[in-house]
PDB file of all heavy atoms in Angstrom:
ATOM      1  N   ALA A   1       0.843  -1.237   0.032  1.00  0.00           N
ATOM      2  CA  ALA A   1      -0.029  -0.022   0.009  1.00  0.00           C
ATOM      3  C   ALA A   1       0.867   1.256  -0.028  1.00  0.00           C
ATOM      4  O   ALA A   1       0.556   2.233  -0.665  1.00  0.00           O
ATOM      5  CB  ALA A   1      -0.904  -0.035   1.242  1.00  0.00           C
ATOM      6  N   SER A   2       1.958   1.222   0.739  1.00  0.00           N
ATOM      7  CA  SER A   2       2.898   2.372   0.764  1.00  0.00           C
ATOM      8  C   SER A   2       3.552   2.671  -0.602  1.00  0.00           C
ATOM      9  O   SER A   2       3.751   3.796  -0.957  1.00  0.00           O
ATOM     10  CB  SER A   2       3.929   2.183   1.866  1.00  0.00           C
ATOM     11  OG  SER A   2       4.725   1.021   1.531  1.00  0.00           O
ATOM     12  N   ILE A   3       3.819   1.622  -1.323  1.00  0.00           N
ATOM     13  CA  ILE A   3       4.411   1.721  -2.644  1.00  0.00           C
ATOM     14  C   ILE A   3       3.441   2.374  -3.604  1.00  0.00           C
ATOM     15  O   ILE A   3       3.762   3.294  -4.354  1.00  0.00           O
ATOM     16  CB  ILE A   3       4.752   0.406  -3.226  1.00  0.00           C
ATOM     17  CG1 ILE A   3       5.995  -0.228  -2.357  1.00  0.00           C
ATOM     18  CG2 ILE A   3       5.270   0.464  -4.693  1.00  0.00           C
ATOM     19  CD1 ILE A   3       6.381  -1.573  -2.819  1.00  0.00           C
ATOM     20  N   ILE A   4       2.174   1.951  -3.568  1.00  0.00           N
ATOM     21  CA  ILE A   4       1.135   2.506  -4.396  1.00  0.00           C
ATOM     22  C   ILE A   4       0.918   3.983  -4.091  1.00  0.00           C
ATOM     23  O   ILE A   4       0.793   4.867  -4.954  1.00  0.00           O
ATOM     24  CB  ILE A   4      -0.230   1.709  -4.239  1.00  0.00           C
ATOM     25  CG1 ILE A   4      -0.005   0.332  -4.734  1.00  0.00           C
ATOM     26  CG2 ILE A   4      -1.336   2.401  -4.973  1.00  0.00           C
ATOM     27  CD1 ILE A   4      -1.182  -0.629  -4.536  1.00  0.00           C
ATOM     28  N   ALA A   5       0.925   4.311  -2.833  1.00  0.00           N
ATOM     29  CA  ALA A   5       0.710   5.684  -2.372  1.00  0.00           C
ATOM     30  C   ALA A   5       1.849   6.641  -2.896  1.00  0.00           C
ATOM     31  O   ALA A   5       1.666   7.698  -3.329  1.00  0.00           O
ATOM     32  CB  ALA A   5       0.584   5.756  -0.806  1.00  0.00           C
ATOM     33  N   TRP A   6       3.070   6.052  -2.775  1.00  0.00           N
ATOM     34  CA  TRP A   6       4.237   6.814  -3.257  1.00  0.00           C
ATOM     35  C   TRP A   6       4.188   6.980  -4.733  1.00  0.00           C
ATOM     36  O   TRP A   6       4.510   8.080  -5.230  1.00  0.00           O
ATOM     37  CB  TRP A   6       5.532   6.018  -2.827  1.00  0.00           C
ATOM     38  CG  TRP A   6       6.771   6.591  -3.445  1.00  0.00           C
ATOM     39  CD1 TRP A   6       7.477   7.702  -3.040  1.00  0.00           C
ATOM     40  CD2 TRP A   6       7.553   6.074  -4.525  1.00  0.00           C
ATOM     41  NE1 TRP A   6       8.564   7.928  -3.779  1.00  0.00           N
ATOM     42  CE2 TRP A   6       8.608   6.950  -4.685  1.00  0.00           C
ATOM     43  CE3 TRP A   6       7.405   4.978  -5.333  1.00  0.00           C
ATOM     44  CZ2 TRP A   6       9.613   6.699  -5.706  1.00  0.00           C
ATOM     45  CZ3 TRP A   6       8.300   4.751  -6.374  1.00  0.00           C
ATOM     46  CH2 TRP A   6       9.397   5.597  -6.523  1.00  0.00           C
ATOM     47  N   CYS A   7       3.777   6.029  -5.453  1.00  0.00           N
ATOM     48  CA  CYS A   7       3.608   6.161  -6.932  1.00  0.00           C
ATOM     49  C   CYS A   7       2.582   7.155  -7.317  1.00  0.00           C
ATOM     50  O   CYS A   7       2.751   7.955  -8.271  1.00  0.00           O
ATOM     51  CB  CYS A   7       3.281   4.750  -7.539  1.00  0.00           C
ATOM     52  SG  CYS A   7       4.597   3.571  -7.415  1.00  0.00           S
ATOM     53  N   LYS A   8       1.490   7.233  -6.601  1.00  0.00           N
ATOM     54  CA  LYS A   8       0.416   8.273  -6.805  1.00  0.00           C
ATOM     55  C   LYS A   8       0.956   9.647  -6.631  1.00  0.00           C
ATOM     56  O   LYS A   8       0.653  10.533  -7.414  1.00  0.00           O
ATOM     57  CB  LYS A   8      -0.777   7.949  -5.919  1.00  0.00           C
ATOM     58  CG  LYS A   8      -1.648   6.731  -6.331  1.00  0.00           C
ATOM     59  CD  LYS A   8      -2.786   6.508  -5.430  1.00  0.00           C
ATOM     60  CE  LYS A   8      -3.628   5.398  -5.819  1.00  0.00           C
ATOM     61  NZ  LYS A   8      -4.808   5.242  -4.971  1.00  0.00           N
ATOM     62  N   ARG A   9       1.734   9.847  -5.601  1.00  0.00           N
ATOM     63  CA  ARG A   9       2.351  11.127  -5.330  1.00  0.00           C
ATOM     64  C   ARG A   9       3.231  11.606  -6.528  1.00  0.00           C
ATOM     65  O   ARG A   9       3.224  12.740  -6.857  1.00  0.00           O
ATOM     66  CB  ARG A   9       3.052  11.167  -3.997  1.00  0.00           C
ATOM     67  CG  ARG A   9       2.183  11.121  -2.810  1.00  0.00           C
ATOM     68  CD  ARG A   9       2.935  11.570  -1.543  1.00  0.00           C
ATOM     69  NE  ARG A   9       4.069  10.719  -1.255  1.00  0.00           N
ATOM     70  CZ  ARG A   9       4.056   9.639  -0.621  1.00  0.00           C
ATOM     71  NH1 ARG A   9       2.930   9.249   0.021  1.00  0.00           N
ATOM     72  NH2 ARG A   9       5.109   8.937  -0.369  1.00  0.00           N
ATOM     73  N   LEU A  10       3.998  10.613  -6.972  1.00  0.00           N
ATOM     74  CA  LEU A  10       4.929  10.951  -8.084  1.00  0.00           C
ATOM     75  C   LEU A  10       4.157  11.371  -9.311  1.00  0.00           C
ATOM     76  O   LEU A  10       4.521  12.351 -10.028  1.00  0.00           O
ATOM     77  CB  LEU A  10       5.823   9.798  -8.422  1.00  0.00           C
ATOM     78  CG  LEU A  10       6.975   9.457  -7.481  1.00  0.00           C
ATOM     79  CD1 LEU A  10       7.672   8.184  -7.942  1.00  0.00           C
ATOM     80  CD2 LEU A  10       7.915  10.611  -7.431  1.00  0.00           C
ATOM     81  N   ILE A  11       3.056  10.689  -9.612  1.00  0.00           N
ATOM     82  CA  ILE A  11       2.311  11.008 -10.815  1.00  0.00           C
ATOM     83  C   ILE A  11       1.648  12.391 -10.681  1.00  0.00           C
ATOM     84  O   ILE A  11       1.609  13.151 -11.597  1.00  0.00           O
ATOM     85  CB  ILE A  11       1.195   9.882 -11.066  1.00  0.00           C
ATOM     86  CG1 ILE A  11       1.901   8.565 -11.366  1.00  0.00           C
ATOM     87  CG2 ILE A  11       0.230  10.346 -12.115  1.00  0.00           C
ATOM     88  CD1 ILE A  11       0.969   7.380 -11.501  1.00  0.00           C
ATOM     89  N   SER A  12       1.063  12.661  -9.458  1.00  0.00           N
ATOM     90  CA  SER A  12       0.428  13.925  -9.245  1.00  0.00           C
ATOM     91  C   SER A  12       1.414  15.135  -9.355  1.00  0.00           C
ATOM     92  O   SER A  12       1.054  16.260  -9.752  1.00  0.00           O
ATOM     93  CB  SER A  12      -0.294  13.957  -7.932  1.00  0.00           C
ATOM     94  OG  SER A  12       0.685  13.826  -6.816  1.00  0.00           O
ATOM     95  N   GLN A  13       2.694  14.860  -9.028  1.00  0.00           N
ATOM     96  CA  GLN A  13       3.690  15.944  -8.977  1.00  0.00           C
ATOM     97  C   GLN A  13       4.369  16.030 -10.348  1.00  0.00           C
ATOM     98  O   GLN A  13       5.126  16.975 -10.593  1.00  0.00           O
ATOM     99  CB  GLN A  13       4.688  15.679  -7.923  1.00  0.00           C
ATOM    100  CG  GLN A  13       4.150  15.738  -6.501  1.00  0.00           C
ATOM    101  CD  GLN A  13       5.119  15.278  -5.432  1.00  0.00           C
ATOM    102  OE1 GLN A  13       6.267  15.002  -5.731  1.00  0.00           O
ATOM    103  NE2 GLN A  13       4.634  15.202  -4.226  1.00  0.00           N
ATOM    104  N   ALA A  14       4.201  15.049 -11.184  1.00  0.00           N
ATOM    105  CA  ALA A  14       5.006  15.100 -12.466  1.00  0.00           C
ATOM    106  C   ALA A  14       4.587  16.210 -13.406  1.00  0.00           C
ATOM    107  O   ALA A  14       5.473  16.887 -13.940  1.00  0.00           O
ATOM    108  CB  ALA A  14       4.745  13.717 -13.179  1.00  0.00           C
ATOM    109  N   GLY A  15       3.307  16.494 -13.606  1.00  0.00           N
ATOM    110  CA  GLY A  15       2.934  17.632 -14.343  1.00  0.00           C
ATOM    111  C   GLY A  15       3.041  17.443 -15.920  1.00  0.00           C
ATOM    112  O   GLY A  15       2.054  17.230 -16.630  1.00  0.00           O
ATOM    113  N   GLN A  16       4.210  17.524 -16.468  1.00  0.00           N
ATOM    114  CA  GLN A  16       4.400  17.387 -17.836  1.00  0.00           C
ATOM    115  C   GLN A  16       4.093  15.997 -18.378  1.00  0.00           C
ATOM    116  O   GLN A  16       4.427  14.990 -17.705  1.00  0.00           O
ATOM    117  CB  GLN A  16       5.865  17.797 -18.242  1.00  0.00           C
ATOM    118  CG  GLN A  16       6.197  19.214 -17.828  1.00  0.00           C
ATOM    119  CD  GLN A  16       7.671  19.536 -18.224  1.00  0.00           C
ATOM    120  OE1 GLN A  16       8.375  18.752 -18.844  1.00  0.00           O
ATOM    121  NE2 GLN A  16       8.049  20.699 -17.770  1.00  0.00           N
ATOM    122  N   PRO A  17       3.614  15.862 -19.673  1.00  0.00           N
ATOM    123  CA  PRO A  17       3.191  14.614 -20.218  1.00  0.00           C
ATOM    124  C   PRO A  17       4.377  13.609 -20.297  1.00  0.00           C
ATOM    125  O   PRO A  17       4.235  12.451 -19.906  1.00  0.00           O
ATOM    126  CB  PRO A  17       2.701  14.904 -21.643  1.00  0.00           C
ATOM    127  CG  PRO A  17       2.243  16.336 -21.520  1.00  0.00           C
ATOM    128  CD  PRO A  17       3.217  16.953 -20.525  1.00  0.00           C
ATOM    129  N   LYS A  18       5.576  14.013 -20.794  1.00  0.00           N
ATOM    130  CA  LYS A  18       6.666  13.093 -20.916  1.00  0.00           C
ATOM    131  C   LYS A  18       7.128  12.592 -19.537  1.00  0.00           C
ATOM    132  O   LYS A  18       7.445  11.462 -19.354  1.00  0.00           O
ATOM    133  CB  LYS A  18       7.880  13.837 -21.663  1.00  0.00           C
ATOM    134  CG  LYS A  18       7.587  14.031 -23.135  1.00  0.00           C
ATOM    135  CD  LYS A  18       8.859  14.650 -23.719  1.00  0.00           C
ATOM    136  CE  LYS A  18       8.615  14.870 -25.272  1.00  0.00           C
ATOM    137  NZ  LYS A  18       9.905  15.460 -25.912  1.00  0.00           N
ATOM    138  N   LEU A  19       7.181  13.530 -18.609  1.00  0.00           N
ATOM    139  CA  LEU A  19       7.557  13.130 -17.273  1.00  0.00           C
ATOM    140  C   LEU A  19       6.564  12.221 -16.621  1.00  0.00           C
ATOM    141  O   LEU A  19       6.921  11.204 -15.854  1.00  0.00           O
ATOM    142  CB  LEU A  19       7.768  14.436 -16.389  1.00  0.00           C
ATOM    143  CG  LEU A  19       8.267  14.161 -14.958  1.00  0.00           C
ATOM    144  CD1 LEU A  19       9.671  13.409 -15.055  1.00  0.00           C
ATOM    145  CD2 LEU A  19       8.419  15.458 -14.215  1.00  0.00           C
ATOM    146  N   SER A  20       5.283  12.451 -16.912  1.00  0.00           N
ATOM    147  CA  SER A  20       4.215  11.574 -16.409  1.00  0.00           C
ATOM    148  C   SER A  20       4.380  10.096 -16.941  1.00  0.00           C
ATOM    149  O   SER A  20       4.254   9.159 -16.203  1.00  0.00           O
ATOM    150  CB  SER A  20       2.851  12.130 -16.793  1.00  0.00           C
ATOM    151  OG  SER A  20       2.652  13.397 -16.173  1.00  0.00           O
ATOM    152  N   SER A  21       4.690  10.076 -18.245  1.00  0.00           N
ATOM    153  CA  SER A  21       4.874   8.729 -18.863  1.00  0.00           C
ATOM    154  C   SER A  21       6.059   7.978 -18.168  1.00  0.00           C
ATOM    155  O   SER A  21       6.004   6.803 -17.988  1.00  0.00           O
ATOM    156  CB  SER A  21       5.156   8.884 -20.339  1.00  0.00           C
ATOM    157  OG  SER A  21       3.958   9.478 -21.023  1.00  0.00           O
ATOM    158  N   LEU A  22       7.180   8.718 -17.876  1.00  0.00           N
ATOM    159  CA  LEU A  22       8.283   8.131 -17.277  1.00  0.00           C
ATOM    160  C   LEU A  22       7.960   7.601 -15.891  1.00  0.00           C
ATOM    161  O   LEU A  22       8.357   6.520 -15.445  1.00  0.00           O
ATOM    162  CB  LEU A  22       9.430   9.131 -17.186  1.00  0.00           C
ATOM    163  CG  LEU A  22      10.756   8.647 -16.562  1.00  0.00           C
ATOM    164  CD1 LEU A  22      11.306   7.503 -17.334  1.00  0.00           C
ATOM    165  CD2 LEU A  22      11.765   9.844 -16.514  1.00  0.00           C
ATOM    166  N   VAL A  23       7.197   8.443 -15.188  1.00  0.00           N
ATOM    167  CA  VAL A  23       6.847   8.061 -13.824  1.00  0.00           C
ATOM    168  C   VAL A  23       5.924   6.847 -13.837  1.00  0.00           C
ATOM    169  O   VAL A  23       6.151   5.957 -13.058  1.00  0.00           O
ATOM    170  CB  VAL A  23       6.151   9.261 -13.097  1.00  0.00           C
ATOM    171  CG1 VAL A  23       5.458   8.797 -11.802  1.00  0.00           C
ATOM    172  CG2 VAL A  23       7.044  10.407 -12.926  1.00  0.00           C
ATOM    173  N   ILE A  24       5.014   6.799 -14.797  1.00  0.00           N
ATOM    174  CA  ILE A  24       4.079   5.615 -14.877  1.00  0.00           C
ATOM    175  C   ILE A  24       4.957   4.350 -15.184  1.00  0.00           C
ATOM    176  O   ILE A  24       4.763   3.296 -14.632  1.00  0.00           O
ATOM    177  CB  ILE A  24       3.121   5.843 -16.045  1.00  0.00           C
ATOM    178  CG1 ILE A  24       2.125   6.950 -15.628  1.00  0.00           C
ATOM    179  CG2 ILE A  24       2.335   4.548 -16.385  1.00  0.00           C
ATOM    180  CD1 ILE A  24       1.185   7.299 -16.707  1.00  0.00           C
ATOM    181  N   LEU A  25       5.963   4.463 -16.052  1.00  0.00           N
ATOM    182  CA  LEU A  25       6.807   3.360 -16.339  1.00  0.00           C
ATOM    183  C   LEU A  25       7.580   2.922 -15.138  1.00  0.00           C
ATOM    184  O   LEU A  25       7.650   1.672 -14.862  1.00  0.00           O
ATOM    185  CB  LEU A  25       7.874   3.716 -17.482  1.00  0.00           C
ATOM    186  CG  LEU A  25       8.817   2.649 -17.856  1.00  0.00           C
ATOM    187  CD1 LEU A  25       8.095   1.426 -18.443  1.00  0.00           C
ATOM    188  CD2 LEU A  25       9.800   3.186 -18.953  1.00  0.00           C
ATOM    189  N   VAL A  26       8.094   3.837 -14.346  1.00  0.00           N
ATOM    190  CA  VAL A  26       8.809   3.470 -13.100  1.00  0.00           C
ATOM    191  C   VAL A  26       7.874   2.841 -12.111  1.00  0.00           C
ATOM    192  O   VAL A  26       8.211   1.812 -11.474  1.00  0.00           O
ATOM    193  CB  VAL A  26       9.445   4.784 -12.495  1.00  0.00           C
ATOM    194  CG1 VAL A  26       9.970   4.492 -11.061  1.00  0.00           C
ATOM    195  CG2 VAL A  26      10.518   5.341 -13.383  1.00  0.00           C
ATOM    196  N   VAL A  27       6.562   3.345 -12.086  1.00  0.00           N
ATOM    197  CA  VAL A  27       5.595   2.719 -11.180  1.00  0.00           C
ATOM    198  C   VAL A  27       5.429   1.341 -11.551  1.00  0.00           C
ATOM    199  O   VAL A  27       5.309   0.423 -10.676  1.00  0.00           O
ATOM    200  CB  VAL A  27       4.350   3.524 -11.220  1.00  0.00           C
ATOM    201  CG1 VAL A  27       3.212   2.815 -10.513  1.00  0.00           C
ATOM    202  CG2 VAL A  27       4.512   4.926 -10.598  1.00  0.00           C
ATOM    203  N   LEU A  28       5.195   1.051 -12.836  1.00  0.00           N
ATOM    204  CA  LEU A  28       4.890  -0.323 -13.318  1.00  0.00           C
ATOM    205  C   LEU A  28       6.098  -1.278 -12.975  1.00  0.00           C
ATOM    206  O   LEU A  28       5.889  -2.392 -12.551  1.00  0.00           O
ATOM    207  CB  LEU A  28       4.626  -0.304 -14.754  1.00  0.00           C
ATOM    208  CG  LEU A  28       3.303   0.367 -15.173  1.00  0.00           C
ATOM    209  CD1 LEU A  28       3.232   0.418 -16.743  1.00  0.00           C
ATOM    210  CD2 LEU A  28       2.137  -0.347 -14.619  1.00  0.00           C
ATOM    211  N   LEU A  29       7.260  -0.766 -13.192  1.00  0.00           N
ATOM    212  CA  LEU A  29       8.459  -1.520 -12.905  1.00  0.00           C
ATOM    213  C   LEU A  29       8.575  -1.886 -11.405  1.00  0.00           C
ATOM    214  O   LEU A  29       8.861  -2.982 -10.959  1.00  0.00           O
ATOM    215  CB  LEU A  29       9.721  -0.809 -13.377  1.00  0.00           C
ATOM    216  CG  LEU A  29       9.952  -0.759 -14.873  1.00  0.00           C
ATOM    217  CD1 LEU A  29      11.147   0.125 -15.195  1.00  0.00           C
ATOM    218  CD2 LEU A  29      10.133  -2.115 -15.441  1.00  0.00           C
ATOM    219  N   VAL A  30       8.329  -0.853 -10.596  1.00  0.00           N
ATOM    220  CA  VAL A  30       8.403  -1.094  -9.105  1.00  0.00           C
ATOM    221  C   VAL A  30       7.332  -2.087  -8.662  1.00  0.00           C
ATOM    222  O   VAL A  30       7.583  -3.002  -7.881  1.00  0.00           O
ATOM    223  CB  VAL A  30       8.246   0.259  -8.414  1.00  0.00           C
ATOM    224  CG1 VAL A  30       8.064   0.027  -6.859  1.00  0.00           C
ATOM    225  CG2 VAL A  30       9.470   1.133  -8.625  1.00  0.00           C
ATOM    226  N   PHE A  31       6.151  -1.931  -9.285  1.00  0.00           N
ATOM    227  CA  PHE A  31       5.024  -2.770  -8.874  1.00  0.00           C
ATOM    228  C   PHE A  31       5.342  -4.186  -9.303  1.00  0.00           C
ATOM    229  O   PHE A  31       5.080  -5.206  -8.580  1.00  0.00           O
ATOM    230  CB  PHE A  31       3.743  -2.304  -9.517  1.00  0.00           C
ATOM    231  CG  PHE A  31       2.521  -3.130  -9.177  1.00  0.00           C
ATOM    232  CD1 PHE A  31       1.932  -2.984  -7.979  1.00  0.00           C
ATOM    233  CD2 PHE A  31       2.058  -4.046 -10.073  1.00  0.00           C
ATOM    234  CE1 PHE A  31       0.811  -3.734  -7.635  1.00  0.00           C
ATOM    235  CE2 PHE A  31       0.915  -4.810  -9.814  1.00  0.00           C
ATOM    236  CZ  PHE A  31       0.353  -4.653  -8.541  1.00  0.00           C
ATOM    237  N   SER A  32       5.883  -4.380 -10.502  1.00  0.00           N
ATOM    238  CA  SER A  32       6.195  -5.688 -11.012  1.00  0.00           C
ATOM    239  C   SER A  32       7.297  -6.347 -10.169  1.00  0.00           C
ATOM    240  O   SER A  32       7.194  -7.620  -9.780  1.00  0.00           O
ATOM    241  CB  SER A  32       6.760  -5.591 -12.448  1.00  0.00           C
ATOM    242  OG  SER A  32       7.134  -6.863 -12.934  1.00  0.00           O
ATOM    243  N   LEU A  33       8.274  -5.586  -9.722  1.00  0.00           N
ATOM    244  CA  LEU A  33       9.354  -6.143  -8.885  1.00  0.00           C
ATOM    245  C   LEU A  33       8.741  -6.550  -7.488  1.00  0.00           C
ATOM    246  O   LEU A  33       9.130  -7.619  -6.984  1.00  0.00           O
ATOM    247  CB  LEU A  33      10.421  -5.034  -8.644  1.00  0.00           C
ATOM    248  CG  LEU A  33      11.604  -5.408  -7.689  1.00  0.00           C
ATOM    249  CD1 LEU A  33      12.342  -6.661  -8.279  1.00  0.00           C
ATOM    250  CD2 LEU A  33      12.520  -4.264  -7.552  1.00  0.00           C
ATOM    251  N   ALA A  34       7.926  -5.746  -6.958  1.00  0.00           N
ATOM    252  CA  ALA A  34       7.318  -6.036  -5.669  1.00  0.00           C
ATOM    253  C   ALA A  34       6.506  -7.362  -5.731  1.00  0.00           C
ATOM    254  O   ALA A  34       6.544  -8.177  -4.862  1.00  0.00           O
ATOM    255  CB  ALA A  34       6.456  -4.894  -5.207  1.00  0.00           C
ATOM    256  N   MET A  35       5.738  -7.474  -6.824  1.00  0.00           N
ATOM    257  CA  MET A  35       4.912  -8.693  -7.084  1.00  0.00           C
ATOM    258  C   MET A  35       5.775  -9.934  -7.125  1.00  0.00           C
ATOM    259  O   MET A  35       5.501 -11.047  -6.623  1.00  0.00           O
ATOM    260  CB  MET A  35       4.006  -8.518  -8.178  1.00  0.00           C
ATOM    261  CG  MET A  35       2.867  -7.521  -8.024  1.00  0.00           C
ATOM    262  SD  MET A  35       1.777  -7.965  -6.656  1.00  0.00           S
ATOM    263  CE  MET A  35       1.075  -9.502  -7.302  1.00  0.00           C
ATOM    264  N   ASN A  36       6.853  -9.802  -7.922  1.00  0.00           N
ATOM    265  CA  ASN A  36       7.804 -10.914  -8.101  1.00  0.00           C
ATOM    266  C   ASN A  36       8.441 -11.349  -6.825  1.00  0.00           C
ATOM    267  O   ASN A  36       8.581 -12.519  -6.527  1.00  0.00           O
ATOM    268  CB  ASN A  36       8.945 -10.594  -9.158  1.00  0.00           C
ATOM    269  CG  ASN A  36       8.344 -10.534 -10.514  1.00  0.00           C
ATOM    270  OD1 ASN A  36       7.368 -11.176 -10.885  1.00  0.00           O
ATOM    271  ND2 ASN A  36       9.029  -9.806 -11.433  1.00  0.00           N
ATOM    272  N   LEU A  37       8.828 -10.382  -6.006  1.00  0.00           N
ATOM    273  CA  LEU A  37       9.368 -10.705  -4.657  1.00  0.00           C
ATOM    274  C   LEU A  37       8.366 -11.361  -3.744  1.00  0.00           C
ATOM    275  O   LEU A  37       8.688 -12.410  -3.079  1.00  0.00           O
ATOM    276  CB  LEU A  37       9.858  -9.425  -3.978  1.00  0.00           C
ATOM    277  CG  LEU A  37      11.132  -8.780  -4.667  1.00  0.00           C
ATOM    278  CD1 LEU A  37      11.361  -7.381  -3.921  1.00  0.00           C
ATOM    279  CD2 LEU A  37      12.317  -9.673  -4.522  1.00  0.00           C
ATOM    280  N   LEU A  38       7.112 -10.894  -3.848  1.00  0.00           N
ATOM    281  CA  LEU A  38       6.049 -11.561  -3.027  1.00  0.00           C
ATOM    282  C   LEU A  38       5.813 -13.024  -3.432  1.00  0.00           C
ATOM    283  O   LEU A  38       5.707 -13.892  -2.672  1.00  0.00           O
ATOM    284  CB  LEU A  38       4.780 -10.693  -3.155  1.00  0.00           C
ATOM    285  CG  LEU A  38       3.530 -11.252  -2.355  1.00  0.00           C
ATOM    286  CD1 LEU A  38       3.821 -11.293  -0.871  1.00  0.00           C
ATOM    287  CD2 LEU A  38       2.343 -10.382  -2.620  1.00  0.00           C
ATOM    288  N   LEU A  39       5.762 -13.217  -4.714  1.00  0.00           N
ATOM    289  CA  LEU A  39       5.509 -14.569  -5.281  1.00  0.00           C
ATOM    290  C   LEU A  39       6.715 -15.461  -5.020  1.00  0.00           C
ATOM    291  O   LEU A  39       6.511 -16.638  -4.620  1.00  0.00           O
ATOM    292  CB  LEU A  39       5.284 -14.528  -6.829  1.00  0.00           C
ATOM    293  CG  LEU A  39       4.032 -13.877  -7.303  1.00  0.00           C
ATOM    294  CD1 LEU A  39       4.004 -13.714  -8.837  1.00  0.00           C
ATOM    295  CD2 LEU A  39       2.791 -14.801  -6.918  1.00  0.00           C
ATOM    296  N   ALA A  40       7.921 -14.996  -5.022  1.00  0.00           N
ATOM    297  CA  ALA A  40       9.127 -15.813  -4.737  1.00  0.00           C
ATOM    298  C   ALA A  40       9.070 -16.203  -3.277  1.00  0.00           C
ATOM    299  O   ALA A  40       9.360 -17.390  -2.939  1.00  0.00           O
ATOM    300  CB  ALA A  40      10.374 -14.938  -4.995  1.00  0.00           C
TER     301      ALA A  40
END
């Protein structure tokens, strides 16, 4: 839950479209990593 909240803050603060896309990509990568660790 803390990871998701942190990601939401990054997206809201990004502002510019290119930066928002980058933030979304980072969010997806972090989420994927967290899920893989949990499954492992």
